C-alpha atoms as a PDB file:
ATOM      1  CA  MET A   1     -13.292  -1.833  84.684  1.00  0.00           C
ATOM      2  CA  LYS A   2     -15.331  -3.097  81.894  1.00  0.00           C
ATOM      3  CA  GLN A   3     -16.541   0.606  81.272  1.00  0.00           C
ATOM      4  CA  LEU A   4     -12.926   1.647  81.275  1.00  0.00           C
ATOM      5  CA  LYS A   5     -12.034  -0.723  78.552  1.00  0.00           C
ATOM      6  CA  SER A   6     -14.902   0.223  76.553  1.00  0.00           C
ATOM      7  CA  LEU A   7     -14.037   3.948  76.977  1.00  0.00           C
ATOM      8  CA  LEU A   8     -10.449   3.361  75.756  1.00  0.00           C
ATOM      9  CA  ALA A   9     -11.479   1.354  72.799  1.00  0.00           C
ATOM     10  CA  ALA A  10     -14.017   4.084  71.677  1.00  0.00           C
ATOM     11  CA  THR A  11     -11.126   6.495  72.126  1.00  0.00           C
ATOM     12  CA  VAL A  12      -8.811   4.486  69.866  1.00  0.00           C
ATOM     13  CA  PHE A  13     -11.534   4.215  67.233  1.00  0.00           C
ATOM     14  CA  LEU A  14     -12.360   7.942  67.118  1.00  0.00           C
ATOM     15  CA  ALA A  15      -8.533   8.908  67.107  1.00  0.00           C
ATOM     16  CA  ALA A  16      -7.701   6.614  64.186  1.00  0.00           C
ATOM     17  CA  PRO A  17      -9.126   8.519  61.373  1.00  0.00           C
ATOM     18  CA  ALA A  18      -7.222  11.805  62.691  1.00  0.00           C
ATOM     19  CA  PHE A  19      -4.106   9.800  62.550  1.00  0.00           C
ATOM     20  CA  ALA A  20      -4.930   8.335  59.044  1.00  0.00           C
ATOM     21  CA  GLN A  21      -5.372  11.908  57.897  1.00  0.00           C
ATOM     22  CA  GLU A  22      -2.328  13.398  59.015  1.00  0.00           C
ATOM     23  CA  SER A  23      -0.031  14.283  56.206  1.00  0.00           C
ATOM     24  CA  VAL A  24       3.635  14.518  55.738  1.00  0.00           C
ATOM     25  CA  THR A  25       5.108  17.431  53.479  1.00  0.00           C
ATOM     26  CA  LEU A  26       8.456  17.022  51.577  1.00  0.00           C
ATOM     27  CA  LYS A  27      10.317  20.037  50.860  1.00  0.00           C
ATOM     28  CA  TYR A  28      11.603  19.931  47.165  1.00  0.00           C
ATOM     29  CA  SER A  29      14.305  22.317  46.492  1.00  0.00           C
ATOM     30  CA  SER A  30      15.372  23.567  43.067  1.00  0.00           C
ATOM     31  CA  PHE A  31      18.132  26.328  42.384  1.00  0.00           C
ATOM     32  CA  LEU A  32      16.476  27.101  38.904  1.00  0.00           C
ATOM     33  CA  PRO A  33      13.555  29.362  38.473  1.00  0.00           C
ATOM     34  CA  ALA A  34      10.034  28.253  38.672  1.00  0.00           C
ATOM     35  CA  THR A  35       9.623  28.798  35.005  1.00  0.00           C
ATOM     36  CA  THR A  36      11.892  25.993  33.939  1.00  0.00           C
ATOM     37  CA  VAL A  37      10.110  22.818  32.669  1.00  0.00           C
ATOM     38  CA  ASN A  38      11.180  20.726  35.490  1.00  0.00           C
ATOM     39  CA  ASN A  39       9.798  22.965  37.911  1.00  0.00           C
ATOM     40  CA  ALA A  40       6.596  24.226  35.992  1.00  0.00           C
ATOM     41  CA  LEU A  41       5.640  20.645  34.735  1.00  0.00           C
ATOM     42  CA  SER A  42       7.505  17.776  36.227  1.00  0.00           C
ATOM     43  CA  ALA A  43       7.772  18.540  39.810  1.00  0.00           C
ATOM     44  CA  PRO A  44       3.845  19.435  39.963  1.00  0.00           C
ATOM     45  CA  ALA A  45       3.278  16.133  38.149  1.00  0.00           C
ATOM     46  CA  LEU A  46       5.172  14.316  40.904  1.00  0.00           C
ATOM     47  CA  ALA A  47       3.472  16.036  43.506  1.00  0.00           C
ATOM     48  CA  ALA A  48      -0.004  15.330  42.106  1.00  0.00           C
ATOM     49  CA  ARG A  49       0.845  11.648  41.782  1.00  0.00           C
ATOM     50  CA  LEU A  50       2.143  11.208  45.230  1.00  0.00           C
ATOM     51  CA  ASP A  51      -0.914  13.028  46.439  1.00  0.00           C
ATOM     52  CA  GLU A  52      -3.083  10.817  44.601  1.00  0.00           C
ATOM     53  CA  LEU A  53      -1.414   7.509  45.525  1.00  0.00           C
ATOM     54  CA  THR A  54      -1.673   8.480  49.296  1.00  0.00           C
ATOM     55  CA  ASP A  55      -5.092  10.233  49.465  1.00  0.00           C
ATOM     56  CA  GLY A  56      -3.358  13.380  50.439  1.00  0.00           C
ATOM     57  CA  ALA A  57      -1.226  11.993  53.218  1.00  0.00           C
ATOM     58  CA  LEU A  58       2.141  12.879  51.274  1.00  0.00           C
ATOM     59  CA  LYS A  59       2.555  16.321  49.997  1.00  0.00           C
ATOM     60  CA  VAL A  60       5.407  17.841  47.974  1.00  0.00           C
ATOM     61  CA  GLU A  61       6.044  21.615  48.412  1.00  0.00           C
ATOM     62  CA  LEU A  62       8.444  23.130  45.878  1.00  0.00           C
ATOM     63  CA  TYR A  63      11.084  25.773  46.667  1.00  0.00           C
ATOM     64  CA  PRO A  64      12.277  27.050  43.214  1.00  0.00           C
ATOM     65  CA  GLY A  65      14.815  29.571  42.433  1.00  0.00           C
ATOM     66  CA  GLY A  66      17.200  28.857  45.239  1.00  0.00           C
ATOM     67  CA  SER A  67      14.426  29.954  47.695  1.00  0.00           C
ATOM     68  CA  LEU A  68      15.613  27.437  50.422  1.00  0.00           C
ATOM     69  CA  VAL A  69      19.468  28.187  49.658  1.00  0.00           C
ATOM     70  CA  SER A  70      20.495  29.249  46.230  1.00  0.00           C
ATOM     71  CA  GLY A  71      23.086  27.805  44.147  1.00  0.00           C
ATOM     72  CA  GLY A  72      23.563  24.409  42.458  1.00  0.00           C
ATOM     73  CA  GLU A  73      26.626  23.422  44.332  1.00  0.00           C
ATOM     74  CA  VAL A  74      24.715  23.396  47.781  1.00  0.00           C
ATOM     75  CA  GLN A  75      21.678  21.487  46.851  1.00  0.00           C
ATOM     76  CA  MET A  76      23.415  17.940  47.788  1.00  0.00           C
ATOM     77  CA  LYS A  77      24.248  19.434  51.121  1.00  0.00           C
ATOM     78  CA  LEU A  78      20.664  20.644  51.679  1.00  0.00           C
ATOM     79  CA  VAL A  79      19.250  17.153  51.347  1.00  0.00           C
ATOM     80  CA  LEU A  80      22.049  15.691  53.421  1.00  0.00           C
ATOM     81  CA  ASP A  81      21.705  18.170  56.214  1.00  0.00           C
ATOM     82  CA  GLY A  82      17.969  17.795  56.343  1.00  0.00           C
ATOM     83  CA  VAL A  83      17.083  21.298  55.130  1.00  0.00           C
ATOM     84  CA  ALA A  84      15.441  19.789  51.797  1.00  0.00           C
ATOM     85  CA  ASP A  85      13.903  16.536  51.492  1.00  0.00           C
ATOM     86  CA  ILE A  86      14.285  16.383  47.791  1.00  0.00           C
ATOM     87  CA  ALA A  87      16.469  18.555  45.642  1.00  0.00           C
ATOM     88  CA  GLU A  88      17.502  18.992  42.003  1.00  0.00           C
ATOM     89  CA  ILE A  89      21.208  18.259  42.092  1.00  0.00           C
ATOM     90  CA  PRO A  90      23.511  19.086  39.480  1.00  0.00           C
ATOM     91  CA  LEU A  91      26.049  16.446  39.819  1.00  0.00           C
ATOM     92  CA  PRO A  92      29.026  18.000  37.986  1.00  0.00           C
ATOM     93  CA  TYR A  93      28.748  20.907  40.740  1.00  0.00           C
ATOM     94  CA  THR A  94      29.848  18.498  43.411  1.00  0.00           C
ATOM     95  CA  PRO A  95      32.573  16.206  41.498  1.00  0.00           C
ATOM     96  CA  GLY A  96      33.498  13.028  43.043  1.00  0.00           C
ATOM     97  CA  ARG A  97      30.349  12.696  45.502  1.00  0.00           C
ATOM     98  CA  VAL A  98      28.458  10.577  43.260  1.00  0.00           C
ATOM     99  CA  THR A  99      30.581   8.386  40.784  1.00  0.00           C
ATOM    100  CA  GLY A 100      30.036   6.781  37.535  1.00  0.00           C
ATOM    101  CA  LEU A 101      27.304   8.858  36.194  1.00  0.00           C
ATOM    102  CA  ASP A 102      29.711  11.242  34.692  1.00  0.00           C
ATOM    103  CA  VAL A 103      30.160   8.517  32.024  1.00  0.00           C
ATOM    104  CA  PHE A 104      27.273  10.406  30.192  1.00  0.00           C
ATOM    105  CA  GLU A 105      29.390  13.451  30.105  1.00  0.00           C
ATOM    106  CA  LEU A 106      31.529  11.799  27.437  1.00  0.00           C
ATOM    107  CA  PRO A 107      31.129  12.889  23.807  1.00  0.00           C
ATOM    108  CA  ASN A 108      28.900  10.689  21.651  1.00  0.00           C
ATOM    109  CA  MET A 109      26.901   9.117  24.258  1.00  0.00           C
ATOM    110  CA  ALA A 110      23.177   9.919  24.989  1.00  0.00           C
ATOM    111  CA  GLN A 111      21.166  11.352  22.075  1.00  0.00           C
ATOM    112  CA  SER A 112      18.202  12.850  23.992  1.00  0.00           C
ATOM    113  CA  ASN A 113      17.348  13.770  27.734  1.00  0.00           C
ATOM    114  CA  SER A 114      14.962  10.625  28.092  1.00  0.00           C
ATOM    115  CA  ASP A 115      17.614   7.946  26.951  1.00  0.00           C
ATOM    116  CA  GLY A 116      20.391   9.295  28.933  1.00  0.00           C
ATOM    117  CA  ALA A 117      18.192   9.622  31.909  1.00  0.00           C
ATOM    118  CA  LEU A 118      16.741   6.118  31.813  1.00  0.00           C
ATOM    119  CA  ALA A 119      20.170   4.713  31.095  1.00  0.00           C
ATOM    120  CA  SER A 120      21.442   6.447  34.365  1.00  0.00           C
ATOM    121  CA  ILE A 121      18.587   4.959  36.316  1.00  0.00           C
ATOM    122  CA  ALA A 122      19.658   1.434  34.897  1.00  0.00           C
ATOM    123  CA  LEU A 123      23.191   1.982  36.031  1.00  0.00           C
ATOM    124  CA  ILE A 124      22.062   3.041  39.544  1.00  0.00           C
ATOM    125  CA  ASP A 125      19.828  -0.056  39.698  1.00  0.00           C
ATOM    126  CA  GLN A 126      22.533  -2.302  38.734  1.00  0.00           C
ATOM    127  CA  GLY A 127      24.742  -1.095  41.711  1.00  0.00           C
ATOM    128  CA  LEU A 128      27.258   0.535  39.245  1.00  0.00           C
ATOM    129  CA  ILE A 129      27.103   4.147  40.761  1.00  0.00           C
ATOM    130  CA  GLY A 130      28.836   5.181  43.925  1.00  0.00           C
ATOM    131  CA  GLY A 131      27.864   7.580  46.456  1.00  0.00           C
ATOM    132  CA  MET A 132      24.210   6.700  46.696  1.00  0.00           C
ATOM    133  CA  ASP A 133      23.962   4.962  50.032  1.00  0.00           C
ATOM    134  CA  ASP A 134      22.206   8.003  51.660  1.00  0.00           C
ATOM    135  CA  LEU A 135      20.132   9.008  48.645  1.00  0.00           C
ATOM    136  CA  ILE A 136      17.342   7.613  46.656  1.00  0.00           C
ATOM    137  CA  ALA A 137      17.257   8.504  42.888  1.00  0.00           C
ATOM    138  CA  LEU A 138      13.855   9.669  42.704  1.00  0.00           C
ATOM    139  CA  GLY A 139      14.421  10.574  39.184  1.00  0.00           C
ATOM    140  CA  MET A 140      17.462  11.595  36.814  1.00  0.00           C
ATOM    141  CA  LEU A 141      17.936  13.865  34.027  1.00  0.00           C
ATOM    142  CA  GLN A 142      20.803  13.899  31.476  1.00  0.00           C
ATOM    143  CA  SER A 143      20.264  17.339  30.301  1.00  0.00           C
ATOM    144  CA  GLY A 144      21.559  17.339  26.857  1.00  0.00           C
ATOM    145  CA  PRO A 145      23.086  16.498  24.631  1.00  0.00           C
ATOM    146  CA  TYR A 146      25.231  19.544  24.842  1.00  0.00           C
ATOM    147  CA  TYR A 147      26.337  21.309  21.609  1.00  0.00           C
ATOM    148  CA  ILE A 148      28.415  24.228  20.517  1.00  0.00           C
ATOM    149  CA  HIS A 149      26.535  27.561  20.436  1.00  0.00           C
ATOM    150  CA  THR A 150      28.520  30.705  19.434  1.00  0.00           C
ATOM    151  CA  LYS A 151      27.605  34.228  18.808  1.00  0.00           C
ATOM    152  CA  ASP A 152      29.845  34.864  15.855  1.00  0.00           C
ATOM    153  CA  GLU A 153      29.889  32.680  12.696  1.00  0.00           C
ATOM    154  CA  ILE A 154      31.468  29.483  12.502  1.00  0.00           C
ATOM    155  CA  SER A 155      31.205  26.710   9.835  1.00  0.00           C
ATOM    156  CA  SER A 156      34.124  24.205  10.705  1.00  0.00           C
ATOM    157  CA  LEU A 157      36.218  22.921  13.434  1.00  0.00           C
ATOM    158  CA  ASP A 158      38.978  25.549  12.669  1.00  0.00           C
ATOM    159  CA  ASP A 159      36.454  28.446  13.421  1.00  0.00           C
ATOM    160  CA  LEU A 160      36.509  27.401  17.098  1.00  0.00           C
ATOM    161  CA  ARG A 161      40.240  28.011  17.579  1.00  0.00           C
ATOM    162  CA  GLY A 162      40.849  30.478  20.416  1.00  0.00           C
ATOM    163  CA  LYS A 163      37.098  30.999  21.053  1.00  0.00           C
ATOM    164  CA  LYS A 164      36.363  31.282  24.825  1.00  0.00           C
ATOM    165  CA  LEU A 165      33.372  28.783  25.344  1.00  0.00           C
ATOM    166  CA  ARG A 166      31.767  28.560  28.894  1.00  0.00           C
ATOM    167  CA  VAL A 167      31.898  24.899  30.198  1.00  0.00           C
ATOM    168  CA  SER A 168      30.366  22.999  33.232  1.00  0.00           C
ATOM    169  CA  GLY A 169      32.843  20.518  34.767  1.00  0.00           C
ATOM    170  CA  GLN A 170      36.270  18.975  33.968  1.00  0.00           C
ATOM    171  CA  THR A 171      35.017  16.741  31.413  1.00  0.00           C
ATOM    172  CA  GLN A 172      33.567  19.424  29.253  1.00  0.00           C
ATOM    173  CA  ALA A 173      36.607  21.677  29.839  1.00  0.00           C
ATOM    174  CA  GLN A 174      38.712  18.736  28.151  1.00  0.00           C
ATOM    175  CA  ILE A 175      36.358  18.425  25.280  1.00  0.00           C
ATOM    176  CA  VAL A 176      36.538  22.115  24.425  1.00  0.00           C
ATOM    177  CA  SER A 177      40.390  22.213  24.890  1.00  0.00           C
ATOM    178  CA  ARG A 178      40.762  19.179  22.469  1.00  0.00           C
ATOM    179  CA  LEU A 179      38.635  20.934  19.853  1.00  0.00           C
ATOM    180  CA  GLY A 180      40.996  24.001  20.039  1.00  0.00           C
ATOM    181  CA  ALA A 181      38.830  26.336  21.792  1.00  0.00           C
ATOM    182  CA  VAL A 182      39.374  27.862  25.480  1.00  0.00           C
ATOM    183  CA  PRO A 183      37.219  26.598  28.031  1.00  0.00           C
ATOM    184  CA  VAL A 184      35.731  29.047  30.799  1.00  0.00           C
ATOM    185  CA  SER A 185      34.724  27.585  33.972  1.00  0.00           C
ATOM    186  CA  ASN A 186      33.007  28.814  36.981  1.00  0.00           C
ATOM    187  CA  ILE A 187      30.194  30.947  35.194  1.00  0.00           C
ATOM    188  CA  PRO A 188      26.890  29.887  36.652  1.00  0.00           C
ATOM    189  CA  ALA A 189      24.271  29.017  33.997  1.00  0.00           C
ATOM    190  CA  THR A 190      22.062  32.218  35.109  1.00  0.00           C
ATOM    191  CA  ALA A 191      25.256  34.377  34.501  1.00  0.00           C
ATOM    192  CA  MET A 192      25.888  33.108  30.953  1.00  0.00           C
ATOM    193  CA  ALA A 193      23.993  36.043  29.253  1.00  0.00           C
ATOM    194  CA  GLU A 194      25.805  38.806  30.808  1.00  0.00           C
ATOM    195  CA  ASN A 195      29.157  37.151  30.084  1.00  0.00           C
ATOM    196  CA  VAL A 196      28.208  36.821  26.493  1.00  0.00           C
ATOM    197  CA  SER A 197      26.816  40.514  26.368  1.00  0.00           C
ATOM    198  CA  ARG A 198      30.042  41.772  28.114  1.00  0.00           C
ATOM    199  CA  GLY A 199      32.176  39.899  25.554  1.00  0.00           C
ATOM    200  CA  LEU A 200      33.918  37.657  28.242  1.00  0.00           C
ATOM    201  CA  ILE A 201      32.749  34.417  26.400  1.00  0.00           C
ATOM    202  CA  ASP A 202      32.126  33.741  22.671  1.00  0.00           C
ATOM    203  CA  GLY A 203      29.785  30.960  23.262  1.00  0.00           C
ATOM    204  CA  ALA A 204      28.998  27.881  25.267  1.00  0.00           C
ATOM    205  CA  LEU A 205      28.362  24.361  25.571  1.00  0.00           C
ATOM    206  CA  VAL A 206      24.638  24.108  26.159  1.00  0.00           C
ATOM    207  CA  ASP A 207      21.728  21.765  25.820  1.00  0.00           C
ATOM    208  CA  THR A 208      19.639  23.270  23.063  1.00  0.00           C
ATOM    209  CA  GLY A 209      16.403  23.061  25.225  1.00  0.00           C
ATOM    210  CA  ASN A 210      17.794  25.427  27.800  1.00  0.00           C
ATOM    211  CA  LEU A 211      19.007  28.259  25.544  1.00  0.00           C
ATOM    212  CA  TYR A 212      16.174  30.516  26.628  1.00  0.00           C
ATOM    213  CA  ASN A 213      16.040  29.477  30.225  1.00  0.00           C
ATOM    214  CA  PHE A 214      19.519  30.668  30.386  1.00  0.00           C
ATOM    215  CA  GLY A 215      18.933  33.904  28.541  1.00  0.00           C
ATOM    216  CA  VAL A 216      21.189  33.202  25.763  1.00  0.00           C
ATOM    217  CA  GLY A 217      18.665  32.274  23.214  1.00  0.00           C
ATOM    218  CA  ASP A 218      18.738  35.440  21.214  1.00  0.00           C
ATOM    219  CA  LEU A 219      22.592  35.939  22.099  1.00  0.00           C
ATOM    220  CA  LEU A 220      24.032  32.795  20.444  1.00  0.00           C
ATOM    221  CA  THR A 221      22.953  32.554  16.882  1.00  0.00           C
ATOM    222  CA  TYR A 222      25.225  29.721  15.588  1.00  0.00           C
ATOM    223  CA  HIS A 223      24.355  26.170  16.465  1.00  0.00           C
ATOM    224  CA  VAL A 224      26.452  23.153  15.871  1.00  0.00           C
ATOM    225  CA  THR A 225      23.775  20.316  15.194  1.00  0.00           C
ATOM    226  CA  ASN A 226      25.664  17.056  14.498  1.00  0.00           C
ATOM    227  CA  LEU A 227      28.301  16.892  17.232  1.00  0.00           C
ATOM    228  CA  PRO A 228      26.747  15.829  20.562  1.00  0.00           C
ATOM    229  CA  LEU A 229      29.346  16.634  23.179  1.00  0.00           C
ATOM    230  CA  GLY A 230      28.046  14.821  26.286  1.00  0.00           C
ATOM    231  CA  SER A 231      25.028  15.383  28.781  1.00  0.00           C
ATOM    232  CA  PHE A 232      24.760  17.219  32.137  1.00  0.00           C
ATOM    233  CA  ALA A 233      23.706  14.660  35.025  1.00  0.00           C
ATOM    234  CA  VAL A 234      20.797  16.062  37.288  1.00  0.00           C
ATOM    235  CA  LEU A 235      20.000  13.938  40.209  1.00  0.00           C
ATOM    236  CA  PHE A 236      16.555  14.386  41.850  1.00  0.00           C
ATOM    237  CA  GLY A 237      17.637  13.019  45.066  1.00  0.00           C
ATOM    238  CA  LEU A 238      15.519  12.206  48.060  1.00  0.00           C
ATOM    239  CA  SER A 239      17.146  11.811  51.510  1.00  0.00           C
ATOM    240  CA  LYS A 240      17.369   8.283  52.530  1.00  0.00           C
ATOM    241  CA  ALA A 241      16.977   9.150  56.065  1.00  0.00           C
ATOM    242  CA  LYS A 242      13.740  11.031  55.402  1.00  0.00           C
ATOM    243  CA  TYR A 243      12.466   8.180  53.566  1.00  0.00           C
ATOM    244  CA  ASP A 244      13.097   5.900  56.381  1.00  0.00           C
ATOM    245  CA  THR A 245      10.947   8.047  58.614  1.00  0.00           C
ATOM    246  CA  LEU A 246       7.811   7.683  56.405  1.00  0.00           C
ATOM    247  CA  PRO A 247       4.903   5.593  57.008  1.00  0.00           C
ATOM    248  CA  PRO A 248       4.942   2.323  54.933  1.00  0.00           C
ATOM    249  CA  ALA A 249       2.002   3.614  52.592  1.00  0.00           C
ATOM    250  CA  SER A 250       3.949   6.734  51.866  1.00  0.00           C
ATOM    251  CA  GLN A 251       7.128   4.708  51.245  1.00  0.00           C
ATOM    252  CA  ALA A 252       5.171   2.414  49.008  1.00  0.00           C
ATOM    253  CA  ALA A 253       3.960   5.559  46.872  1.00  0.00           C
ATOM    254  CA  ILE A 254       7.601   6.622  46.575  1.00  0.00           C
ATOM    255  CA  ASP A 255       8.694   3.170  45.487  1.00  0.00           C
ATOM    256  CA  SER A 256       6.089   3.377  42.830  1.00  0.00           C
ATOM    257  CA  VAL A 257       7.238   6.756  41.245  1.00  0.00           C
ATOM    258  CA  LYS A 258      11.032   6.651  41.910  1.00  0.00           C
ATOM    259  CA  GLY A 259      13.254   5.618  39.038  1.00  0.00           C
ATOM    260  CA  ASP A 260      11.568   5.006  35.662  1.00  0.00           C
ATOM    261  CA  TRP A 261       8.460   6.664  36.289  1.00  0.00           C
ATOM    262  CA  TYR A 262       9.613  10.077  37.442  1.00  0.00           C
ATOM    263  CA  THR A 263      12.525   9.876  35.068  1.00  0.00           C
ATOM    264  CA  THR A 264      10.271   9.327  32.100  1.00  0.00           C
ATOM    265  CA  VAL A 265       8.234  12.562  33.271  1.00  0.00           C
ATOM    266  CA  LEU A 266      11.404  14.489  33.499  1.00  0.00           C
ATOM    267  CA  GLY A 267      13.006  13.412  30.203  1.00  0.00           C
ATOM    268  CA  GLY A 268       9.747  13.691  28.121  1.00  0.00           C
ATOM    269  CA  ASN A 269       9.173  17.334  29.347  1.00  0.00           C
ATOM    270  CA  MET A 270      12.681  18.204  28.529  1.00  0.00           C
ATOM    271  CA  ASP A 271      12.666  16.651  25.142  1.00  0.00           C
ATOM    272  CA  LYS A 272       9.409  18.464  24.363  1.00  0.00           C
ATOM    273  CA  GLN A 273      11.177  21.695  25.363  1.00  0.00           C
ATOM    274  CA  THR A 274      14.121  21.074  23.294  1.00  0.00           C
ATOM    275  CA  GLN A 275      11.964  20.324  20.188  1.00  0.00           C
ATOM    276  CA  ASP A 276      10.080  23.536  21.018  1.00  0.00           C
ATOM    277  CA  VAL A 277      13.175  25.518  21.121  1.00  0.00           C
ATOM    278  CA  VAL A 278      14.374  24.180  17.828  1.00  0.00           C
ATOM    279  CA  ALA A 279      11.256  25.028  16.211  1.00  0.00           C
ATOM    280  CA  ARG A 280      11.769  28.601  17.515  1.00  0.00           C
ATOM    281  CA  LEU A 281      15.169  28.997  16.292  1.00  0.00           C
ATOM    282  CA  GLU A 282      14.286  27.437  12.935  1.00  0.00           C
ATOM    283  CA  ALA A 283      11.594  30.105  12.646  1.00  0.00           C
ATOM    284  CA  SER A 284      13.978  33.149  13.040  1.00  0.00           C
ATOM    285  CA  GLU A 285      16.297  34.354  10.286  1.00  0.00           C
ATOM    286  CA  ALA A 286      18.659  35.499  12.782  1.00  0.00           C
ATOM    287  CA  HIS A 287      19.705  31.910  13.742  1.00  0.00           C
ATOM    288  CA  HIS A 288      21.957  29.556  11.815  1.00  0.00           C
ATOM    289  CA  PHE A 289      22.484  25.803  12.064  1.00  0.00           C
ATOM    290  CA  VAL A 290      26.001  24.614  11.507  1.00  0.00           C
ATOM    291  CA  THR A 291      26.354  21.040   9.950  1.00  0.00           C
ATOM    292  CA  LEU A 292      30.007  19.979  10.322  1.00  0.00           C
ATOM    293  CA  SER A 293      31.597  18.314   7.437  1.00  0.00           C
ATOM    294  CA  ASP A 294      32.466  14.474   7.623  1.00  0.00           C
ATOM    295  CA  ASP A 295      36.113  15.298   7.566  1.00  0.00           C
ATOM    296  CA  ASP A 296      35.393  17.584  10.749  1.00  0.00           C
ATOM    297  CA  LEU A 297      33.452  14.987  12.266  1.00  0.00           C
ATOM    298  CA  ALA A 298      36.478  12.469  11.809  1.00  0.00           C
ATOM    299  CA  ARG A 299      38.873  14.951  13.406  1.00  0.00           C
ATOM    300  CA  ALA A 300      36.627  15.444  16.422  1.00  0.00           C
ATOM    301  CA  ASP A 301      36.177  11.759  16.869  1.00  0.00           C
ATOM    302  CA  LYS A 302      39.796  11.270  16.847  1.00  0.00           C
ATOM    303  CA  VAL A 303      40.744  13.900  19.339  1.00  0.00           C
ATOM    304  CA  LEU A 304      37.462  13.288  21.806  1.00  0.00           C
ATOM    305  CA  SER A 305      38.319   9.598  21.749  1.00  0.00           C
ATOM    306  CA  GLN A 306      41.116  10.670  24.137  1.00  0.00           C
ATOM    307  CA  VAL A 307      38.721  12.254  26.519  1.00  0.00           C
ATOM    308  CA  THR A 308      36.979   8.857  26.752  1.00  0.00           C
ATOM    309  CA  ASP A 309      40.302   7.070  27.051  1.00  0.00           C
ATOM    310  CA  LYS A 310      41.373   9.288  29.869  1.00  0.00           C
ATOM    311  CA  TRP A 311      38.087   8.827  31.703  1.00  0.00           C
ATOM    312  CA  VAL A 312      38.370   5.253  31.509  1.00  0.00           C
ATOM    313  CA  GLU A 313      42.065   5.192  33.006  1.00  0.00           C
ATOM    314  CA  LYS A 314      40.787   7.198  36.003  1.00  0.00           C
ATOM    315  CA  ALA A 315      39.433   4.253  37.904  1.00  0.00           C
ATOM    316  CA  PRO A 316      39.476   0.389  37.460  1.00  0.00           C
ATOM    317  CA  GLU A 317      35.584   0.295  37.225  1.00  0.00           C
ATOM    318  CA  ASN A 318      35.118   2.865  34.741  1.00  0.00           C
ATOM    319  CA  ALA A 319      35.555   0.435  31.606  1.00  0.00           C
ATOM    320  CA  GLY A 320      32.881  -1.591  32.810  1.00  0.00           C
ATOM    321  CA  ILE A 321      30.567   1.412  33.563  1.00  0.00           C
ATOM    322  CA  LEU A 322      31.211   2.688  30.154  1.00  0.00           C
ATOM    323  CA  GLU A 323      30.335  -0.705  28.648  1.00  0.00           C
ATOM    324  CA  ALA A 324      27.151  -0.853  30.793  1.00  0.00           C
ATOM    325  CA  ALA A 325      26.243   2.718  29.727  1.00  0.00           C
ATOM    326  CA  ARG A 326      26.649   2.096  25.949  1.00  0.00           C
ATOM    327  CA  THR A 327      24.452  -1.269  26.488  1.00  0.00           C
ATOM    328  CA  ALA A 328      21.626   0.756  28.346  1.00  0.00           C
ATOM    329  CA  LEU A 329      21.724   3.233  25.484  1.00  0.00           C
ATOM    330  CA  GLY A 330      21.496   0.433  22.890  1.00  0.00           C
ATOM    331  CA  GLN A 331      24.886   1.251  21.341  1.00  0.00           C
END
């Protein structure tokens, strides 16, 4: 009997290192190409950090370009169905699934990717954002701010009248309509260039840093610089169900990178990309930067305040969310 106990103890001892070395791999889905700054820089930084914190026990495997399933509108479902563990989820593509973060789609809110993203995390941490019970906010991005970019010359708000501008989501559609242009929805970001080339749209609301990622950097040559028209919320969501199955050490590693850490990485890389794109545009004689007059800005503020008022009226909690968002942004 004593020999049997000794044999069992030895077996457990010898097996322990094998169990300690077993790794878990999280599938990370992105519908955007591998060349985007999120996929080329930010996701690898996350993978490296989790690998370091767990001594290789927690891996992240990136599936860019929709290689699991294509389309931004299905990324949320991939995570909830367990096809992916993490996904880059464009929230305006699934309206109403996560509530409250659309406050940052309103005009004159975030002034950079980083400040909008960190403010978003603050609202999530305060429990103001709905629809997050089955998700963990590994990171956030408020891609933007969005500006008007057109292929033909514009110098004032009057020049926008009747122009067809590609938009993402209901709030952007309202913004464009209030400014006198015609919103065009249901054009994927990856199809913008084709639609500009074919003359189906005259321009778009785009965050400047993504002009070249979406293939319109050399097609849209007039860029409004002083009228920020909201941001585009992207949630880097981790399945709560998957998180709950992980060993405590892996959960602790995720806890240390989720929220501010990964959001700072995402926002910093996007802000650097925006700076690089602006420098590239400035170096080209083909591109023109448009500064709207004070009168135009006053007109815009007047009509766009109606978009904000309408958003506040949509839900009783929205006034408090707007106040909290402005506080988080330092406004």
